[in-house]
Amino acid sequence: MKYFIIILIIALIAYLVWIRTSTSLKLENGTVFLQIDRTTVKLDTTILKEEYLDLPTVMITQSVLTDDLGSLLVFERAVTDELYQFDHRSKAQLIKATFDATKVAEIYEIGNLAFYQVFTDREDVIDLIVHQSDDQAIRFVYGFSDLEFRKILKMVVPSEGQIDKAIKADVLTFDDPNSALHTKWSTPLHTIDALIIPLDSSS
């Protein structure tokens, strides 16, 4: 019984530390910043093009980025109408619907930040980082090579074994800015509508 109580206390402390972790993902002047507590990952990129989608309940900004080596990433920010919010319980489902994916596999999650691999209907795999600290906004960046994704994960994941046992290496990267966008926001949103709910809804 004594050992059970000790384990319970340790688990509670770990949980409290986890939920208090400070995280962010943002795009500033073409540079992507990923922050977890005192660890900041900076991705030096340049904006090649931006597109804006204004749908009935959500507005999306899509930025295609390139680094010094010519690799492409896509940074997307979606903000709901002031009367709506994303169902924060369904972050993975929202990503799955947005990419029209067959599966979304979580690699690692800490606080409001999650690392996913998205499996498309063409059997492509896309590496993705998602941040959602606000029920009315979600940000994500995708298109990493396997090497880049693992490098970032190793900077933030306590145990490297957690990465190796979960991650699939053969991922899709982009070389054409005109075909880099892989989300399906412009398609009929019947799969997403259930994930965008009235503000402060208890459902």
N, C-alpha and C. Protein backbone atom coordinates (compact mmCIF):
# COMPACT_ATOMS: atom_id res chain seq x y z
N MET A 1 0.83 -1.20 0.00
CA MET A 1 0.00 0.00 0.00
C MET A 1 0.87 1.26 0.00
N LYS A 2 1.96 1.20 0.79
CA LYS A 2 2.86 2.34 0.87
C LYS A 2 3.45 2.68 -0.50
N TYR A 3 3.85 1.64 -1.24
CA TYR A 3 4.45 1.85 -2.56
C TYR A 3 3.42 2.41 -3.55
N PHE A 4 2.18 1.96 -3.42
CA PHE A 4 1.12 2.45 -4.29
C PHE A 4 0.92 3.95 -4.07
N ILE A 5 0.94 4.38 -2.81
CA ILE A 5 0.76 5.81 -2.50
C ILE A 5 1.93 6.62 -3.06
N ILE A 6 3.14 6.09 -2.93
CA ILE A 6 4.32 6.79 -3.45
C ILE A 6 4.23 6.95 -4.97
N ILE A 7 3.84 5.87 -5.65
CA ILE A 7 3.70 5.91 -7.11
C ILE A 7 2.62 6.90 -7.51
N LEU A 8 1.53 6.93 -6.74
CA LEU A 8 0.44 7.85 -7.02
C LEU A 8 0.88 9.30 -6.87
N ILE A 9 1.67 9.59 -5.84
CA ILE A 9 2.18 10.94 -5.62
C ILE A 9 3.12 11.35 -6.74
N ILE A 10 4.00 10.45 -7.14
CA ILE A 10 4.94 10.75 -8.24
C ILE A 10 4.18 11.02 -9.53
N ALA A 11 3.15 10.21 -9.80
CA ALA A 11 2.34 10.39 -11.01
C ALA A 11 1.61 11.73 -10.99
N LEU A 12 1.12 12.12 -9.80
CA LEU A 12 0.42 13.40 -9.66
C LEU A 12 1.37 14.56 -9.90
N ILE A 13 2.56 14.48 -9.34
CA ILE A 13 3.56 15.54 -9.55
C ILE A 13 3.93 15.65 -11.02
N ALA A 14 4.14 14.50 -11.66
CA ALA A 14 4.48 14.49 -13.10
C ALA A 14 3.36 15.11 -13.92
N TYR A 15 2.11 14.80 -13.55
CA TYR A 15 0.97 15.36 -14.28
C TYR A 15 0.90 16.87 -14.11
N LEU A 16 1.12 17.36 -12.89
CA LEU A 16 1.07 18.80 -12.64
C LEU A 16 2.17 19.53 -13.40
N VAL A 17 3.35 18.93 -13.47
CA VAL A 17 4.44 19.52 -14.24
C VAL A 17 4.08 19.55 -15.72
N TRP A 18 3.47 18.46 -16.20
CA TRP A 18 3.10 18.35 -17.62
C TRP A 18 2.11 19.43 -18.02
N ILE A 19 1.05 19.63 -17.20
CA ILE A 19 0.01 20.57 -17.60
C ILE A 19 0.48 22.01 -17.45
N ARG A 20 1.55 22.25 -16.70
CA ARG A 20 2.06 23.60 -16.53
C ARG A 20 3.16 23.94 -17.54
N THR A 21 3.49 22.99 -18.41
CA THR A 21 4.52 23.23 -19.39
C THR A 21 4.10 24.36 -20.32
N SER A 22 5.00 25.32 -20.54
CA SER A 22 4.73 26.45 -21.41
C SER A 22 5.19 26.11 -22.82
N THR A 23 4.27 26.16 -23.78
CA THR A 23 4.61 25.83 -25.16
C THR A 23 4.06 26.88 -26.10
N SER A 24 4.69 27.02 -27.26
CA SER A 24 4.17 27.91 -28.30
C SER A 24 4.72 27.49 -29.65
N LEU A 25 4.01 27.85 -30.69
CA LEU A 25 4.44 27.66 -32.08
C LEU A 25 3.97 28.88 -32.84
N LYS A 26 4.92 29.61 -33.42
CA LYS A 26 4.52 30.84 -34.12
C LYS A 26 5.42 31.10 -35.32
N LEU A 27 4.89 31.92 -36.21
CA LEU A 27 5.62 32.37 -37.40
C LEU A 27 5.77 33.87 -37.29
N GLU A 28 7.02 34.34 -37.21
CA GLU A 28 7.30 35.77 -37.10
C GLU A 28 8.32 36.19 -38.14
N ASN A 29 7.92 37.10 -39.01
CA ASN A 29 8.80 37.60 -40.06
C ASN A 29 9.43 36.47 -40.88
N GLY A 30 8.63 35.45 -41.14
CA GLY A 30 9.11 34.34 -41.96
C GLY A 30 9.87 33.27 -41.20
N THR A 31 10.11 33.46 -39.91
CA THR A 31 10.85 32.50 -39.11
C THR A 31 9.89 31.74 -38.19
N VAL A 32 10.06 30.42 -38.14
CA VAL A 32 9.22 29.58 -37.27
C VAL A 32 9.91 29.41 -35.93
N PHE A 33 9.17 29.66 -34.86
CA PHE A 33 9.68 29.48 -33.50
C PHE A 33 8.84 28.44 -32.78
N LEU A 34 9.50 27.43 -32.25
CA LEU A 34 8.87 26.40 -31.45
C LEU A 34 9.47 26.48 -30.05
N GLN A 35 8.62 26.67 -29.03
CA GLN A 35 9.13 26.85 -27.68
C GLN A 35 8.46 25.88 -26.71
N ILE A 36 9.29 25.22 -25.92
CA ILE A 36 8.81 24.36 -24.84
C ILE A 36 9.59 24.73 -23.60
N ASP A 37 8.90 25.36 -22.65
CA ASP A 37 9.56 25.91 -21.46
C ASP A 37 10.75 26.77 -21.88
N ARG A 38 11.97 26.39 -21.49
CA ARG A 38 13.14 27.22 -21.82
C ARG A 38 13.84 26.79 -23.10
N THR A 39 13.32 25.75 -23.74
CA THR A 39 13.92 25.28 -24.99
C THR A 39 13.21 25.93 -26.17
N THR A 40 13.97 26.61 -27.02
CA THR A 40 13.41 27.24 -28.22
C THR A 40 14.10 26.68 -29.45
N VAL A 41 13.28 26.21 -30.39
CA VAL A 41 13.78 25.74 -31.67
C VAL A 41 13.44 26.80 -32.71
N LYS A 42 14.45 27.29 -33.42
CA LYS A 42 14.25 28.33 -34.42
C LYS A 42 14.53 27.76 -35.80
N LEU A 43 13.56 27.89 -36.70
CA LEU A 43 13.70 27.42 -38.07
C LEU A 43 13.80 28.64 -38.98
N ASP A 44 15.00 28.90 -39.50
CA ASP A 44 15.21 30.06 -40.36
C ASP A 44 14.63 29.79 -41.74
N THR A 45 13.55 30.46 -42.04
CA THR A 45 12.86 30.26 -43.31
C THR A 45 12.48 31.61 -43.92
N THR A 46 12.04 31.55 -45.15
CA THR A 46 11.55 32.72 -45.87
C THR A 46 10.19 32.39 -46.44
N ILE A 47 9.25 33.33 -46.38
CA ILE A 47 7.92 33.11 -46.93
C ILE A 47 7.97 33.25 -48.45
N LEU A 48 7.58 32.18 -49.14
CA LEU A 48 7.51 32.21 -50.60
C LEU A 48 6.16 32.70 -51.09
N LYS A 49 5.11 32.25 -50.42
CA LYS A 49 3.76 32.65 -50.82
C LYS A 49 2.81 32.45 -49.65
N GLU A 50 1.73 33.22 -49.66
CA GLU A 50 0.69 33.08 -48.63
C GLU A 50 -0.67 33.07 -49.30
N GLU A 51 -1.55 32.27 -48.74
CA GLU A 51 -2.93 32.22 -49.20
C GLU A 51 -3.86 32.35 -48.01
N TYR A 52 -5.04 32.91 -48.27
CA TYR A 52 -6.01 33.14 -47.21
C TYR A 52 -7.34 32.53 -47.62
N LEU A 53 -7.93 31.77 -46.70
CA LEU A 53 -9.24 31.17 -46.91
C LEU A 53 -10.19 31.70 -45.85
N ASP A 54 -11.32 32.25 -46.28
CA ASP A 54 -12.30 32.77 -45.35
C ASP A 54 -13.58 31.96 -45.50
N LEU A 55 -13.74 30.97 -44.61
CA LEU A 55 -14.90 30.09 -44.64
C LEU A 55 -15.93 30.56 -43.61
N PRO A 56 -17.16 30.05 -43.66
CA PRO A 56 -18.22 30.57 -42.79
C PRO A 56 -17.87 30.63 -41.30
N THR A 57 -17.17 29.63 -40.76
CA THR A 57 -16.89 29.63 -39.33
C THR A 57 -15.41 29.72 -38.99
N VAL A 58 -14.54 29.75 -40.00
CA VAL A 58 -13.10 29.75 -39.72
C VAL A 58 -12.33 30.45 -40.84
N MET A 59 -11.26 31.16 -40.45
CA MET A 59 -10.38 31.82 -41.42
C MET A 59 -9.00 31.20 -41.30
N ILE A 60 -8.39 30.88 -42.43
CA ILE A 60 -7.11 30.18 -42.45
C ILE A 60 -6.07 30.99 -43.21
N THR A 61 -4.87 31.08 -42.63
CA THR A 61 -3.71 31.65 -43.31
C THR A 61 -2.74 30.52 -43.60
N GLN A 62 -2.35 30.37 -44.85
CA GLN A 62 -1.44 29.30 -45.27
C GLN A 62 -0.17 29.92 -45.83
N SER A 63 0.96 29.64 -45.19
CA SER A 63 2.25 30.22 -45.61
C SER A 63 3.18 29.11 -46.06
N VAL A 64 3.66 29.22 -47.30
CA VAL A 64 4.65 28.27 -47.82
C VAL A 64 6.03 28.87 -47.57
N LEU A 65 6.90 28.12 -46.90
CA LEU A 65 8.20 28.61 -46.47
C LEU A 65 9.32 27.82 -47.12
N THR A 66 10.48 28.45 -47.25
CA THR A 66 11.66 27.74 -47.72
C THR A 66 12.85 28.08 -46.84
N ASP A 67 13.77 27.13 -46.68
CA ASP A 67 14.98 27.41 -45.92
C ASP A 67 16.15 27.64 -46.88
N ASP A 68 17.35 27.80 -46.35
CA ASP A 68 18.53 28.10 -47.17
C ASP A 68 18.88 26.99 -48.15
N LEU A 69 18.45 25.76 -47.84
CA LEU A 69 18.75 24.62 -48.70
C LEU A 69 17.66 24.36 -49.73
N GLY A 70 16.61 25.19 -49.68
CA GLY A 70 15.52 25.03 -50.64
C GLY A 70 14.42 24.09 -50.20
N SER A 71 14.52 23.56 -48.97
CA SER A 71 13.46 22.69 -48.46
C SER A 71 12.21 23.52 -48.16
N LEU A 72 11.05 22.91 -48.35
CA LEU A 72 9.79 23.63 -48.15
C LEU A 72 9.05 23.13 -46.92
N LEU A 73 8.44 24.06 -46.22
CA LEU A 73 7.53 23.77 -45.12
C LEU A 73 6.26 24.57 -45.34
N VAL A 74 5.18 24.14 -44.71
CA VAL A 74 3.93 24.89 -44.75
C VAL A 74 3.51 25.20 -43.32
N PHE A 75 3.22 26.47 -43.04
CA PHE A 75 2.73 26.90 -41.74
C PHE A 75 1.29 27.37 -41.93
N GLU A 76 0.38 26.80 -41.14
CA GLU A 76 -1.03 27.20 -41.25
C GLU A 76 -1.56 27.64 -39.89
N ARG A 77 -2.36 28.69 -39.94
CA ARG A 77 -3.01 29.19 -38.73
C ARG A 77 -4.50 29.33 -39.03
N ALA A 78 -5.32 28.68 -38.22
CA ALA A 78 -6.77 28.73 -38.41
C ALA A 78 -7.40 29.36 -37.17
N VAL A 79 -8.28 30.35 -37.40
CA VAL A 79 -8.97 31.05 -36.31
C VAL A 79 -10.46 31.01 -36.59
N THR A 80 -11.23 30.60 -35.60
CA THR A 80 -12.67 30.51 -35.80
C THR A 80 -13.32 31.89 -35.72
N ASP A 81 -14.53 31.96 -36.23
CA ASP A 81 -15.38 33.13 -36.06
C ASP A 81 -15.57 33.36 -34.56
N GLU A 82 -15.84 34.60 -34.17
CA GLU A 82 -15.93 34.93 -32.74
C GLU A 82 -17.03 34.19 -32.00
N LEU A 83 -18.00 33.65 -32.72
CA LEU A 83 -19.09 32.92 -32.07
C LEU A 83 -18.84 31.42 -32.00
N TYR A 84 -17.67 30.98 -32.50
CA TYR A 84 -17.38 29.55 -32.55
C TYR A 84 -16.03 29.25 -31.93
N GLN A 85 -15.78 27.95 -31.74
CA GLN A 85 -14.49 27.50 -31.25
C GLN A 85 -14.24 26.08 -31.75
N PHE A 86 -12.96 25.70 -31.77
CA PHE A 86 -12.62 24.31 -32.06
C PHE A 86 -12.93 23.48 -30.83
N ASP A 87 -13.38 22.26 -31.05
CA ASP A 87 -13.57 21.33 -29.94
C ASP A 87 -12.18 20.86 -29.52
N HIS A 88 -11.67 21.40 -28.41
CA HIS A 88 -10.29 21.14 -28.00
C HIS A 88 -10.05 19.67 -27.65
N ARG A 89 -11.11 18.91 -27.45
CA ARG A 89 -10.96 17.49 -27.13
C ARG A 89 -10.64 16.67 -28.38
N SER A 90 -10.69 17.31 -29.55
CA SER A 90 -10.61 16.56 -30.80
C SER A 90 -9.52 17.09 -31.73
N LYS A 91 -8.37 17.43 -31.17
CA LYS A 91 -7.28 17.98 -31.97
C LYS A 91 -6.84 17.01 -33.07
N ALA A 92 -6.65 15.76 -32.71
CA ALA A 92 -6.23 14.77 -33.71
C ALA A 92 -7.31 14.56 -34.76
N GLN A 93 -8.58 14.54 -34.35
CA GLN A 93 -9.68 14.38 -35.30
C GLN A 93 -9.77 15.56 -36.25
N LEU A 94 -9.52 16.77 -35.72
CA LEU A 94 -9.53 17.96 -36.57
C LEU A 94 -8.44 17.88 -37.63
N ILE A 95 -7.24 17.45 -37.21
CA ILE A 95 -6.13 17.31 -38.16
C ILE A 95 -6.47 16.24 -39.20
N LYS A 96 -7.04 15.13 -38.74
CA LYS A 96 -7.40 14.06 -39.67
C LYS A 96 -8.40 14.56 -40.72
N ALA A 97 -9.41 15.31 -40.28
CA ALA A 97 -10.41 15.83 -41.20
C ALA A 97 -9.82 16.89 -42.13
N THR A 98 -8.96 17.75 -41.59
CA THR A 98 -8.38 18.83 -42.37
C THR A 98 -7.50 18.30 -43.50
N PHE A 99 -6.77 17.24 -43.24
CA PHE A 99 -5.91 16.65 -44.27
C PHE A 99 -6.64 15.55 -45.06
N ASP A 100 -7.90 15.27 -44.69
CA ASP A 100 -8.63 14.17 -45.30
C ASP A 100 -7.79 12.90 -45.21
N ALA A 101 -7.22 12.67 -44.03
CA ALA A 101 -6.27 11.59 -43.82
C ALA A 101 -6.97 10.29 -43.45
N THR A 102 -6.28 9.19 -43.68
CA THR A 102 -6.82 7.89 -43.26
C THR A 102 -6.47 7.60 -41.81
N LYS A 103 -5.37 8.20 -41.33
CA LYS A 103 -4.94 7.97 -39.95
C LYS A 103 -4.04 9.11 -39.49
N VAL A 104 -4.10 9.42 -38.21
CA VAL A 104 -3.18 10.37 -37.59
C VAL A 104 -2.53 9.67 -36.41
N ALA A 105 -1.21 9.53 -36.44
CA ALA A 105 -0.49 8.85 -35.37
C ALA A 105 0.25 9.87 -34.51
N GLU A 106 -0.03 9.84 -33.21
CA GLU A 106 0.66 10.75 -32.29
C GLU A 106 2.04 10.20 -31.95
N ILE A 107 3.06 11.01 -32.14
CA ILE A 107 4.43 10.63 -31.81
C ILE A 107 4.78 11.09 -30.40
N TYR A 108 4.38 12.33 -30.08
CA TYR A 108 4.70 12.87 -28.75
C TYR A 108 3.79 14.06 -28.50
N GLU A 109 3.37 14.23 -27.24
CA GLU A 109 2.55 15.38 -26.86
C GLU A 109 3.02 15.91 -25.53
N ILE A 110 3.10 17.22 -25.45
CA ILE A 110 3.46 17.88 -24.19
C ILE A 110 2.70 19.19 -24.11
N GLY A 111 1.95 19.36 -23.03
CA GLY A 111 1.15 20.56 -22.88
C GLY A 111 0.19 20.71 -24.05
N ASN A 112 0.25 21.86 -24.72
CA ASN A 112 -0.63 22.16 -25.84
C ASN A 112 0.01 21.84 -27.20
N LEU A 113 1.15 21.18 -27.16
CA LEU A 113 1.92 20.90 -28.37
C LEU A 113 1.91 19.41 -28.66
N ALA A 114 1.74 19.06 -29.95
CA ALA A 114 1.72 17.65 -30.34
C ALA A 114 2.49 17.44 -31.63
N PHE A 115 3.18 16.31 -31.69
CA PHE A 115 3.90 15.88 -32.90
C PHE A 115 3.13 14.70 -33.49
N TYR A 116 2.74 14.82 -34.75
CA TYR A 116 1.95 13.78 -35.41
C TYR A 116 2.62 13.33 -36.71
N GLN A 117 2.23 12.13 -37.13
CA GLN A 117 2.44 11.72 -38.51
C GLN A 117 1.06 11.49 -39.11
N VAL A 118 0.83 12.15 -40.24
CA VAL A 118 -0.46 12.10 -40.93
C VAL A 118 -0.35 11.15 -42.12
N PHE A 119 -1.25 10.19 -42.21
CA PHE A 119 -1.25 9.22 -43.30
C PHE A 119 -2.37 9.59 -44.28
N THR A 120 -2.00 9.96 -45.50
CA THR A 120 -2.98 10.40 -46.48
C THR A 120 -3.59 9.22 -47.21
N ASP A 121 -4.64 9.51 -47.98
CA ASP A 121 -5.29 8.43 -48.73
C ASP A 121 -4.42 7.90 -49.86
N ARG A 122 -3.33 8.62 -50.18
CA ARG A 122 -2.38 8.13 -51.18
C ARG A 122 -1.24 7.34 -50.53
N GLU A 123 -1.40 7.07 -49.25
CA GLU A 123 -0.41 6.34 -48.46
C GLU A 123 0.88 7.12 -48.24
N ASP A 124 0.81 8.45 -48.43
CA ASP A 124 1.94 9.31 -48.06
C ASP A 124 1.90 9.56 -46.56
N VAL A 125 3.07 9.86 -45.98
CA VAL A 125 3.17 10.19 -44.57
C VAL A 125 3.74 11.61 -44.45
N ILE A 126 3.05 12.46 -43.69
CA ILE A 126 3.48 13.85 -43.52
C ILE A 126 3.79 14.09 -42.05
N ASP A 127 4.99 14.62 -41.78
CA ASP A 127 5.38 14.98 -40.41
C ASP A 127 4.80 16.35 -40.07
N LEU A 128 4.21 16.45 -38.88
CA LEU A 128 3.42 17.63 -38.53
C LEU A 128 3.61 17.98 -37.05
N ILE A 129 3.72 19.28 -36.78
CA ILE A 129 3.73 19.79 -35.40
C ILE A 129 2.52 20.69 -35.23
N VAL A 130 1.74 20.46 -34.17
CA VAL A 130 0.49 21.18 -33.94
C VAL A 130 0.52 21.87 -32.59
N HIS A 131 0.00 23.09 -32.54
CA HIS A 131 -0.12 23.80 -31.26
C HIS A 131 -1.52 24.38 -31.14
N GLN A 132 -2.15 24.15 -29.99
CA GLN A 132 -3.48 24.71 -29.74
C GLN A 132 -3.62 25.07 -28.27
N SER A 133 -3.36 26.32 -27.95
CA SER A 133 -3.52 26.79 -26.58
C SER A 133 -4.81 27.58 -26.41
N ASP A 134 -5.46 27.90 -27.52
CA ASP A 134 -6.66 28.71 -27.54
C ASP A 134 -7.74 27.92 -28.27
N ASP A 135 -8.92 27.82 -27.69
CA ASP A 135 -9.99 27.06 -28.33
C ASP A 135 -10.41 27.65 -29.67
N GLN A 136 -10.06 28.91 -29.92
CA GLN A 136 -10.46 29.56 -31.16
C GLN A 136 -9.34 29.65 -32.19
N ALA A 137 -8.18 29.09 -31.89
CA ALA A 137 -7.07 29.14 -32.84
C ALA A 137 -6.24 27.87 -32.77
N ILE A 138 -5.75 27.45 -33.91
CA ILE A 138 -4.84 26.31 -33.98
C ILE A 138 -3.76 26.62 -35.00
N ARG A 139 -2.52 26.24 -34.70
CA ARG A 139 -1.39 26.46 -35.61
C ARG A 139 -0.70 25.14 -35.86
N PHE A 140 -0.25 24.95 -37.08
CA PHE A 140 0.55 23.76 -37.35
C PHE A 140 1.51 23.99 -38.51
N VAL A 141 2.60 23.23 -38.48
CA VAL A 141 3.62 23.31 -39.53
C VAL A 141 3.94 21.89 -39.96
N TYR A 142 4.09 21.71 -41.28
CA TYR A 142 4.31 20.35 -41.79
C TYR A 142 5.21 20.37 -43.03
N GLY A 143 5.67 19.15 -43.39
CA GLY A 143 6.54 19.01 -44.55
C GLY A 143 7.98 18.70 -44.18
N PHE A 144 8.24 18.39 -42.92
CA PHE A 144 9.60 18.09 -42.47
C PHE A 144 10.13 16.80 -43.10
N SER A 145 11.42 16.77 -43.35
CA SER A 145 12.06 15.51 -43.70
C SER A 145 12.18 14.68 -42.42
N ASP A 146 12.43 13.39 -42.59
CA ASP A 146 12.61 12.52 -41.44
C ASP A 146 13.74 13.02 -40.54
N LEU A 147 14.84 13.47 -41.16
CA LEU A 147 16.00 13.96 -40.42
C LEU A 147 15.66 15.20 -39.61
N GLU A 148 14.95 16.15 -40.23
CA GLU A 148 14.58 17.39 -39.54
C GLU A 148 13.63 17.10 -38.38
N PHE A 149 12.65 16.25 -38.64
CA PHE A 149 11.64 15.93 -37.62
C PHE A 149 12.28 15.27 -36.41
N ARG A 150 13.16 14.31 -36.64
CA ARG A 150 13.85 13.63 -35.55
C ARG A 150 14.75 14.59 -34.78
N LYS A 151 15.40 15.50 -35.50
CA LYS A 151 16.29 16.47 -34.85
C LYS A 151 15.52 17.34 -33.88
N ILE A 152 14.35 17.81 -34.30
CA ILE A 152 13.51 18.64 -33.43
C ILE A 152 13.01 17.82 -32.24
N LEU A 153 12.54 16.61 -32.50
CA LEU A 153 12.03 15.76 -31.43
C LEU A 153 13.10 15.47 -30.38
N LYS A 154 14.33 15.24 -30.82
CA LYS A 154 15.40 14.93 -29.87
C LYS A 154 15.71 16.11 -28.95
N MET A 155 15.35 17.33 -29.38
CA MET A 155 15.58 18.50 -28.56
C MET A 155 14.53 18.67 -27.48
N VAL A 156 13.36 18.00 -27.66
CA VAL A 156 12.26 18.23 -26.73
C VAL A 156 11.76 16.97 -26.02
N VAL A 157 12.08 15.79 -26.55
CA VAL A 157 11.58 14.55 -25.95
C VAL A 157 12.60 14.00 -24.96
N PRO A 158 12.17 13.70 -23.72
CA PRO A 158 13.12 13.21 -22.70
C PRO A 158 13.80 11.91 -23.09
N SER A 159 13.04 10.97 -23.66
CA SER A 159 13.59 9.66 -23.99
C SER A 159 13.56 9.42 -25.49
N GLU A 160 14.74 9.23 -26.07
CA GLU A 160 14.83 9.03 -27.52
C GLU A 160 14.10 7.76 -27.95
N GLY A 161 14.00 6.79 -27.06
CA GLY A 161 13.31 5.55 -27.38
C GLY A 161 11.84 5.76 -27.72
N GLN A 162 11.24 6.81 -27.13
CA GLN A 162 9.85 7.12 -27.43
C GLN A 162 9.67 7.48 -28.90
N ILE A 163 10.70 8.05 -29.52
CA ILE A 163 10.62 8.45 -30.92
C ILE A 163 10.79 7.24 -31.81
N ASP A 164 11.86 6.50 -31.58
CA ASP A 164 12.23 5.42 -32.49
C ASP A 164 11.17 4.34 -32.61
N LYS A 165 10.45 4.07 -31.53
CA LYS A 165 9.48 2.98 -31.58
C LYS A 165 8.18 3.42 -32.25
N ALA A 166 7.98 4.73 -32.42
CA ALA A 166 6.70 5.22 -32.94
C ALA A 166 6.78 5.79 -34.35
N ILE A 167 7.93 6.32 -34.74
CA ILE A 167 8.00 7.13 -35.95
C ILE A 167 8.22 6.28 -37.20
N LYS A 168 7.55 6.67 -38.28
CA LYS A 168 7.73 6.02 -39.58
C LYS A 168 8.65 6.90 -40.41
N ALA A 169 9.69 6.33 -41.00
CA ALA A 169 10.76 7.12 -41.60
C ALA A 169 10.47 7.63 -43.00
N ASP A 170 9.69 6.91 -43.79
CA ASP A 170 9.48 7.26 -45.19
C ASP A 170 8.40 8.33 -45.30
N VAL A 171 8.82 9.61 -45.28
CA VAL A 171 7.86 10.71 -45.23
C VAL A 171 7.87 11.53 -46.52
N LEU A 172 6.78 12.26 -46.71
CA LEU A 172 6.61 13.09 -47.90
C LEU A 172 7.21 14.48 -47.63
N THR A 173 8.08 14.95 -48.54
CA THR A 173 8.58 16.31 -48.49
C THR A 173 8.17 17.02 -49.78
N PHE A 174 8.28 18.34 -49.78
CA PHE A 174 7.76 19.13 -50.89
C PHE A 174 8.90 19.83 -51.63
N ASP A 175 8.77 19.94 -52.95
CA ASP A 175 9.77 20.67 -53.73
C ASP A 175 9.14 21.72 -54.65
N ASP A 176 7.81 21.78 -54.67
CA ASP A 176 7.12 22.74 -55.52
C ASP A 176 6.19 23.59 -54.66
N PRO A 177 6.44 24.89 -54.56
CA PRO A 177 5.58 25.75 -53.72
C PRO A 177 4.12 25.73 -54.13
N ASN A 178 3.87 25.48 -55.40
CA ASN A 178 2.49 25.49 -55.91
C ASN A 178 1.71 24.23 -55.56
N SER A 179 2.39 23.20 -55.08
CA SER A 179 1.68 21.98 -54.70
C SER A 179 2.02 21.55 -53.27
N ALA A 180 2.54 22.49 -52.48
CA ALA A 180 2.95 22.16 -51.11
C ALA A 180 1.76 22.07 -50.14
N LEU A 181 0.69 22.81 -50.40
CA LEU A 181 -0.46 22.79 -49.50
C LEU A 181 -1.17 21.45 -49.59
N HIS A 182 -1.32 20.80 -48.44
CA HIS A 182 -1.94 19.48 -48.43
C HIS A 182 -3.21 19.41 -47.57
N THR A 183 -3.63 20.52 -47.03
CA THR A 183 -4.88 20.52 -46.26
C THR A 183 -6.06 20.68 -47.22
N LYS A 184 -7.24 20.31 -46.73
CA LYS A 184 -8.44 20.29 -47.57
C LYS A 184 -9.52 21.22 -47.02
N TRP A 185 -9.10 22.37 -46.51
CA TRP A 185 -10.07 23.31 -45.94
C TRP A 185 -11.15 23.71 -46.94
N SER A 186 -10.82 23.74 -48.21
CA SER A 186 -11.77 24.24 -49.21
C SER A 186 -12.79 23.19 -49.64
N THR A 187 -12.62 21.95 -49.22
CA THR A 187 -13.60 20.91 -49.54
C THR A 187 -14.81 21.05 -48.62
N PRO A 188 -15.93 20.41 -48.95
CA PRO A 188 -17.10 20.48 -48.04
C PRO A 188 -16.69 20.08 -46.62
N LEU A 189 -17.11 20.88 -45.66
CA LEU A 189 -16.60 20.71 -44.30
C LEU A 189 -17.53 19.90 -43.40
N HIS A 190 -18.28 18.96 -43.98
CA HIS A 190 -19.18 18.20 -43.12
C HIS A 190 -18.42 17.38 -42.09
N THR A 191 -17.16 17.01 -42.42
CA THR A 191 -16.38 16.24 -41.44
C THR A 191 -15.78 17.14 -40.38
N ILE A 192 -15.62 18.42 -40.69
CA ILE A 192 -15.02 19.35 -39.75
C ILE A 192 -16.08 20.09 -38.94
N ASP A 193 -17.29 20.23 -39.49
CA ASP A 193 -18.33 21.00 -38.80
C ASP A 193 -18.56 20.51 -37.38
N ALA A 194 -18.51 19.21 -37.16
CA ALA A 194 -18.74 18.68 -35.81
C ALA A 194 -17.60 19.03 -34.87
N LEU A 195 -16.47 19.47 -35.41
CA LEU A 195 -15.31 19.81 -34.60
C LEU A 195 -15.18 21.31 -34.39
N ILE A 196 -16.05 22.07 -35.02
CA ILE A 196 -16.15 23.51 -34.77
C ILE A 196 -17.52 23.73 -34.15
N ILE A 197 -17.53 24.14 -32.91
CA ILE A 197 -18.77 24.19 -32.12
C ILE A 197 -19.03 25.61 -31.64
N PRO A 198 -20.27 25.90 -31.23
CA PRO A 198 -20.57 27.24 -30.69
C PRO A 198 -19.66 27.55 -29.50
N LEU A 199 -19.29 28.80 -29.37
CA LEU A 199 -18.41 29.23 -28.29
C LEU A 199 -18.98 28.87 -26.93
N ASP A 200 -18.10 28.31 -26.07
CA ASP A 200 -18.46 27.92 -24.71
C ASP A 200 -19.51 26.81 -24.66
N SER A 201 -19.63 26.07 -25.76
CA SER A 201 -20.56 24.95 -25.76
C SER A 201 -20.03 23.88 -24.81
N SER A 202 -20.91 23.21 -24.14
CA SER A 202 -20.50 22.13 -23.23
C SER A 202 -20.53 20.77 -23.89
N SER A 203 -20.87 20.76 -25.18
CA SER A 203 -20.95 19.48 -25.88
C SER A 203 -19.59 19.00 -26.31
